[in-house]
Amino acid sequence: MARMRRHPLGASARLLVVAIAVLVIIFLVPLPTWLVVALSGFGLVLIGATVADMTARRPVE
């Protein structure tokens, strides 16, 4: 049985969409300020790490 090839950005792109959606929800739901700041910081770090992973050069096997 042939092995299915996946798009190299598949998982990273999905994670990026989820992180952006979470940030939007954080700002729409009334939460305490400290929680919004903490979750937003975590979300921005997650987005930065995902973009860095998506743009990283990988050795060709």
PDB file of N, CA and C in Angstrom:
ATOM      1  N   MET A   1       0.844  -1.178   0.000  1.00  0.00           N
ATOM      2  CA  MET A   1       0.000   0.000   0.000  1.00  0.00           C
ATOM      3  C   MET A   1       0.891   1.243   0.000  1.00  0.00           C
ATOM      4  N   ALA A   2       0.572   2.172  -0.866  1.00  0.00           N
ATOM      5  CA  ALA A   2       1.378   3.388  -0.984  1.00  0.00           C
ATOM      6  C   ALA A   2       1.176   4.279   0.240  1.00  0.00           C
ATOM      7  N   ARG A   3       2.281   4.839   0.668  1.00  0.00           N
ATOM      8  CA  ARG A   3       2.218   5.739   1.821  1.00  0.00           C
ATOM      9  C   ARG A   3       1.827   7.136   1.350  1.00  0.00           C
ATOM     10  N   MET A   4       0.870   7.733   2.046  1.00  0.00           N
ATOM     11  CA  MET A   4       0.408   9.064   1.648  1.00  0.00           C
ATOM     12  C   MET A   4       1.431  10.126   2.045  1.00  0.00           C
ATOM     13  N   ARG A   5       1.702  11.027   1.120  1.00  0.00           N
ATOM     14  CA  ARG A   5       2.595  12.138   1.434  1.00  0.00           C
ATOM     15  C   ARG A   5       1.771  13.288   1.967  1.00  0.00           C
ATOM     16  N   ARG A   6       2.271  13.914   2.985  1.00  0.00           N
ATOM     17  CA  ARG A   6       1.574  15.055   3.574  1.00  0.00           C
ATOM     18  C   ARG A   6       2.282  16.335   3.177  1.00  0.00           C
ATOM     19  N   HIS A   7       1.506  17.384   3.124  1.00  0.00           N
ATOM     20  CA  HIS A   7       2.090  18.684   2.818  1.00  0.00           C
ATOM     21  C   HIS A   7       2.999  19.081   3.976  1.00  0.00           C
ATOM     22  N   PRO A   8       4.209  19.583   3.695  1.00  0.00           N
ATOM     23  CA  PRO A   8       5.158  19.896   4.781  1.00  0.00           C
ATOM     24  C   PRO A   8       4.661  20.969   5.744  1.00  0.00           C
ATOM     25  N   LEU A   9       3.772  21.846   5.299  1.00  0.00           N
ATOM     26  CA  LEU A   9       3.265  22.890   6.184  1.00  0.00           C
ATOM     27  C   LEU A   9       1.939  22.512   6.821  1.00  0.00           C
ATOM     28  N   GLY A  10       1.470  21.307   6.609  1.00  0.00           N
ATOM     29  CA  GLY A  10       0.154  20.900   7.091  1.00  0.00           C
ATOM     30  C   GLY A  10      -0.055  21.113   8.573  1.00  0.00           C
ATOM     31  N   ALA A  11       0.748  20.486   9.397  1.00  0.00           N
ATOM     32  CA  ALA A  11       0.573  20.573  10.849  1.00  0.00           C
ATOM     33  C   ALA A  11       0.890  21.977  11.358  1.00  0.00           C
ATOM     34  N   SER A  12       1.919  22.590  10.822  1.00  0.00           N
ATOM     35  CA  SER A  12       2.294  23.933  11.269  1.00  0.00           C
ATOM     36  C   SER A  12       1.225  24.954  10.912  1.00  0.00           C
ATOM     37  N   ALA A  13       0.701  24.854   9.714  1.00  0.00           N
ATOM     38  CA  ALA A  13      -0.338  25.800   9.299  1.00  0.00           C
ATOM     39  C   ALA A  13      -1.595  25.630  10.143  1.00  0.00           C
ATOM     40  N   ARG A  14      -1.931  24.391  10.457  1.00  0.00           N
ATOM     41  CA  ARG A  14      -3.109  24.135  11.293  1.00  0.00           C
ATOM     42  C   ARG A  14      -2.893  24.718  12.689  1.00  0.00           C
ATOM     43  N   LEU A  15      -1.693  24.549  13.241  1.00  0.00           N
ATOM     44  CA  LEU A  15      -1.378  25.095  14.559  1.00  0.00           C
ATOM     45  C   LEU A  15      -1.436  26.621  14.546  1.00  0.00           C
ATOM     46  N   LEU A  16      -0.971  27.219  13.469  1.00  0.00           N
ATOM     47  CA  LEU A  16      -1.001  28.676  13.351  1.00  0.00           C
ATOM     48  C   LEU A  16      -2.443  29.192  13.336  1.00  0.00           C
ATOM     49  N   VAL A  17      -3.319  28.520  12.613  1.00  0.00           N
ATOM     50  CA  VAL A  17      -4.731  28.923  12.562  1.00  0.00           C
ATOM     51  C   VAL A  17      -5.368  28.790  13.940  1.00  0.00           C
ATOM     52  N   VAL A  18      -5.059  27.705  14.648  1.00  0.00           N
ATOM     53  CA  VAL A  18      -5.612  27.502  15.992  1.00  0.00           C
ATOM     54  C   VAL A  18      -5.123  28.593  16.941  1.00  0.00           C
ATOM     55  N   ALA A  19      -3.835  28.935  16.877  1.00  0.00           N
ATOM     56  CA  ALA A  19      -3.281  29.960  17.763  1.00  0.00           C
ATOM     57  C   ALA A  19      -3.934  31.319  17.506  1.00  0.00           C
ATOM     58  N   ILE A  20      -4.144  31.661  16.249  1.00  0.00           N
ATOM     59  CA  ILE A  20      -4.791  32.937  15.930  1.00  0.00           C
ATOM     60  C   ILE A  20      -6.242  32.931  16.399  1.00  0.00           C
ATOM     61  N   ALA A  21      -6.934  31.810  16.210  1.00  0.00           N
ATOM     62  CA  ALA A  21      -8.326  31.708  16.662  1.00  0.00           C
ATOM     63  C   ALA A  21      -8.424  31.860  18.176  1.00  0.00           C
ATOM     64  N   VAL A  22      -7.483  31.257  18.902  1.00  0.00           N
ATOM     65  CA  VAL A  22      -7.480  31.373  20.364  1.00  0.00           C
ATOM     66  C   VAL A  22      -7.257  32.823  20.781  1.00  0.00           C
ATOM     67  N   LEU A  23      -6.349  33.525  20.106  1.00  0.00           N
ATOM     68  CA  LEU A  23      -6.122  34.936  20.431  1.00  0.00           C
ATOM     69  C   LEU A  23      -7.379  35.769  20.195  1.00  0.00           C
ATOM     70  N   VAL A  24      -8.083  35.503  19.114  1.00  0.00           N
ATOM     71  CA  VAL A  24      -9.322  36.243  18.832  1.00  0.00           C
ATOM     72  C   VAL A  24     -10.353  35.974  19.919  1.00  0.00           C
ATOM     73  N   ILE A  25     -10.500  34.713  20.314  1.00  0.00           N
ATOM     74  CA  ILE A  25     -11.465  34.357  21.362  1.00  0.00           C
ATOM     75  C   ILE A  25     -11.093  35.018  22.687  1.00  0.00           C
ATOM     76  N   ILE A  26      -9.788  35.063  22.995  1.00  0.00           N
ATOM     77  CA  ILE A  26      -9.327  35.676  24.247  1.00  0.00           C
ATOM     78  C   ILE A  26      -9.788  37.134  24.328  1.00  0.00           C
ATOM     79  N   PHE A  27      -9.702  37.850  23.209  1.00  0.00           N
ATOM     80  CA  PHE A  27     -10.071  39.263  23.232  1.00  0.00           C
ATOM     81  C   PHE A  27     -11.579  39.477  23.171  1.00  0.00           C
ATOM     82  N   LEU A  28     -12.346  38.483  22.745  1.00  0.00           N
ATOM     83  CA  LEU A  28     -13.800  38.631  22.672  1.00  0.00           C
ATOM     84  C   LEU A  28     -14.496  38.269  23.983  1.00  0.00           C
ATOM     85  N   VAL A  29     -13.893  37.359  24.756  1.00  0.00           N
ATOM     86  CA  VAL A  29     -14.504  36.911  26.013  1.00  0.00           C
ATOM     87  C   VAL A  29     -14.012  37.814  27.141  1.00  0.00           C
ATOM     88  N   PRO A  30     -14.920  38.336  27.961  1.00  0.00           N
ATOM     89  CA  PRO A  30     -14.475  39.194  29.072  1.00  0.00           C
ATOM     90  C   PRO A  30     -13.719  38.385  30.135  1.00  0.00           C
ATOM     91  N   LEU A  31     -12.433  38.615  30.226  1.00  0.00           N
ATOM     92  CA  LEU A  31     -11.570  37.927  31.188  1.00  0.00           C
ATOM     93  C   LEU A  31     -10.808  38.976  31.988  1.00  0.00           C
ATOM     94  N   PRO A  32     -10.279  38.591  33.151  1.00  0.00           N
ATOM     95  CA  PRO A  32      -9.431  39.534  33.899  1.00  0.00           C
ATOM     96  C   PRO A  32      -8.220  39.966  33.063  1.00  0.00           C
ATOM     97  N   THR A  33      -7.785  41.184  33.277  1.00  0.00           N
ATOM     98  CA  THR A  33      -6.689  41.744  32.477  1.00  0.00           C
ATOM     99  C   THR A  33      -5.430  40.892  32.541  1.00  0.00           C
ATOM    100  N   TRP A  34      -5.066  40.416  33.732  1.00  0.00           N
ATOM    101  CA  TRP A  34      -3.832  39.645  33.868  1.00  0.00           C
ATOM    102  C   TRP A  34      -3.913  38.345  33.068  1.00  0.00           C
ATOM    103  N   LEU A  35      -5.110  37.761  32.984  1.00  0.00           N
ATOM    104  CA  LEU A  35      -5.270  36.514  32.233  1.00  0.00           C
ATOM    105  C   LEU A  35      -5.183  36.776  30.729  1.00  0.00           C
ATOM    106  N   VAL A  36      -5.761  37.885  30.287  1.00  0.00           N
ATOM    107  CA  VAL A  36      -5.671  38.252  28.867  1.00  0.00           C
ATOM    108  C   VAL A  36      -4.221  38.480  28.475  1.00  0.00           C
ATOM    109  N   VAL A  37      -3.468  39.193  29.317  1.00  0.00           N
ATOM    110  CA  VAL A  37      -2.058  39.467  29.024  1.00  0.00           C
ATOM    111  C   VAL A  37      -1.253  38.171  28.984  1.00  0.00           C
ATOM    112  N   ALA A  38      -1.475  37.293  29.958  1.00  0.00           N
ATOM    113  CA  ALA A  38      -0.724  36.034  30.013  1.00  0.00           C
ATOM    114  C   ALA A  38      -1.039  35.147  28.812  1.00  0.00           C
ATOM    115  N   LEU A  39      -2.310  34.987  28.503  1.00  0.00           N
ATOM    116  CA  LEU A  39      -2.690  34.124  27.384  1.00  0.00           C
ATOM    117  C   LEU A  39      -2.269  34.719  26.044  1.00  0.00           C
ATOM    118  N   SER A  40      -2.333  36.037  25.926  1.00  0.00           N
ATOM    119  CA  SER A  40      -1.903  36.686  24.685  1.00  0.00           C
ATOM    120  C   SER A  40      -0.405  36.511  24.476  1.00  0.00           C
ATOM    121  N   GLY A  41       0.362  36.667  25.548  1.00  0.00           N
ATOM    122  CA  GLY A  41       1.805  36.454  25.447  1.00  0.00           C
ATOM    123  C   GLY A  41       2.132  35.041  25.026  1.00  0.00           C
ATOM    124  N   PHE A  42       1.447  34.081  25.615  1.00  0.00           N
ATOM    125  CA  PHE A  42       1.668  32.683  25.244  1.00  0.00           C
ATOM    126  C   PHE A  42       1.273  32.446  23.788  1.00  0.00           C
ATOM    127  N   GLY A  43       0.154  33.030  23.376  1.00  0.00           N
ATOM    128  CA  GLY A  43      -0.295  32.860  21.991  1.00  0.00           C
ATOM    129  C   GLY A  43       0.681  33.457  20.995  1.00  0.00           C
ATOM    130  N   LEU A  44       1.224  34.628  21.314  1.00  0.00           N
ATOM    131  CA  LEU A  44       2.187  35.256  20.411  1.00  0.00           C
ATOM    132  C   LEU A  44       3.479  34.452  20.321  1.00  0.00           C
ATOM    133  N   VAL A  45       3.912  33.890  21.441  1.00  0.00           N
ATOM    134  CA  VAL A  45       5.103  33.028  21.422  1.00  0.00           C
ATOM    135  C   VAL A  45       4.834  31.787  20.576  1.00  0.00           C
ATOM    136  N   LEU A  46       3.642  31.218  20.718  1.00  0.00           N
ATOM    137  CA  LEU A  46       3.270  30.040  19.935  1.00  0.00           C
ATOM    138  C   LEU A  46       3.243  30.359  18.444  1.00  0.00           C
ATOM    139  N   ILE A  47       2.692  31.512  18.086  1.00  0.00           N
ATOM    140  CA  ILE A  47       2.661  31.914  16.676  1.00  0.00           C
ATOM    141  C   ILE A  47       4.081  32.125  16.153  1.00  0.00           C
ATOM    142  N   GLY A  48       4.934  32.783  16.942  1.00  0.00           N
ATOM    143  CA  GLY A  48       6.319  32.997  16.521  1.00  0.00           C
ATOM    144  C   GLY A  48       7.077  31.697  16.325  1.00  0.00           C
ATOM    145  N   ALA A  49       6.889  30.763  17.240  1.00  0.00           N
ATOM    146  CA  ALA A  49       7.566  29.470  17.117  1.00  0.00           C
ATOM    147  C   ALA A  49       7.055  28.696  15.909  1.00  0.00           C
ATOM    148  N   THR A  50       5.771  28.798  15.640  1.00  0.00           N
ATOM    149  CA  THR A  50       5.197  28.097  14.490  1.00  0.00           C
ATOM    150  C   THR A  50       5.716  28.672  13.181  1.00  0.00           C
ATOM    151  N   VAL A  51       5.764  29.994  13.084  1.00  0.00           N
ATOM    152  CA  VAL A  51       6.281  30.624  11.869  1.00  0.00           C
ATOM    153  C   VAL A  51       7.755  30.286  11.689  1.00  0.00           C
ATOM    154  N   ALA A  52       8.520  30.278  12.769  1.00  0.00           N
ATOM    155  CA  ALA A  52       9.935  29.909  12.681  1.00  0.00           C
ATOM    156  C   ALA A  52      10.085  28.468  12.205  1.00  0.00           C
ATOM    157  N   ASP A  53       9.217  27.587  12.686  1.00  0.00           N
ATOM    158  CA  ASP A  53       9.262  26.187  12.261  1.00  0.00           C
ATOM    159  C   ASP A  53       8.871  26.051  10.791  1.00  0.00           C
ATOM    160  N   MET A  54       7.893  26.841  10.365  1.00  0.00           N
ATOM    161  CA  MET A  54       7.436  26.756   8.976  1.00  0.00           C
ATOM    162  C   MET A  54       8.491  27.264   7.999  1.00  0.00           C
ATOM    163  N   THR A  55       9.290  28.227   8.418  1.00  0.00           N
ATOM    164  CA  THR A  55      10.265  28.831   7.510  1.00  0.00           C
ATOM    165  C   THR A  55      11.667  28.257   7.678  1.00  0.00           C
ATOM    166  N   ALA A  56      11.847  27.315   8.601  1.00  0.00           N
ATOM    167  CA  ALA A  56      13.177  26.746   8.836  1.00  0.00           C
ATOM    168  C   ALA A  56      13.611  25.893   7.645  1.00  0.00           C
ATOM    169  N   ARG A  57      14.886  25.960   7.351  1.00  0.00           N
ATOM    170  CA  ARG A  57      15.420  25.114   6.278  1.00  0.00           C
ATOM    171  C   ARG A  57      15.672  23.724   6.826  1.00  0.00           C
ATOM    172  N   ARG A  58      15.222  22.747   6.095  1.00  0.00           N
ATOM    173  CA  ARG A  58      15.396  21.357   6.502  1.00  0.00           C
ATOM    174  C   ARG A  58      16.358  20.675   5.533  1.00  0.00           C
ATOM    175  N   PRO A  59      17.213  19.816   6.041  1.00  0.00           N
ATOM    176  CA  PRO A  59      18.097  19.079   5.131  1.00  0.00           C
ATOM    177  C   PRO A  59      17.282  18.117   4.255  1.00  0.00           C
ATOM    178  N   VAL A  60      17.666  18.016   3.007  1.00  0.00           N
ATOM    179  CA  VAL A  60      16.973  17.120   2.082  1.00  0.00           C
ATOM    180  C   VAL A  60      17.470  15.705   2.317  1.00  0.00           C
ATOM    181  N   GLU A  61      16.532  14.799   2.495  1.00  0.00           N
ATOM    182  CA  GLU A  61      16.929  13.400   2.756  1.00  0.00           C
ATOM    183  C   GLU A  61      17.115  12.650   1.468  1.00  0.00           C
TER     184      GLU A  61
END
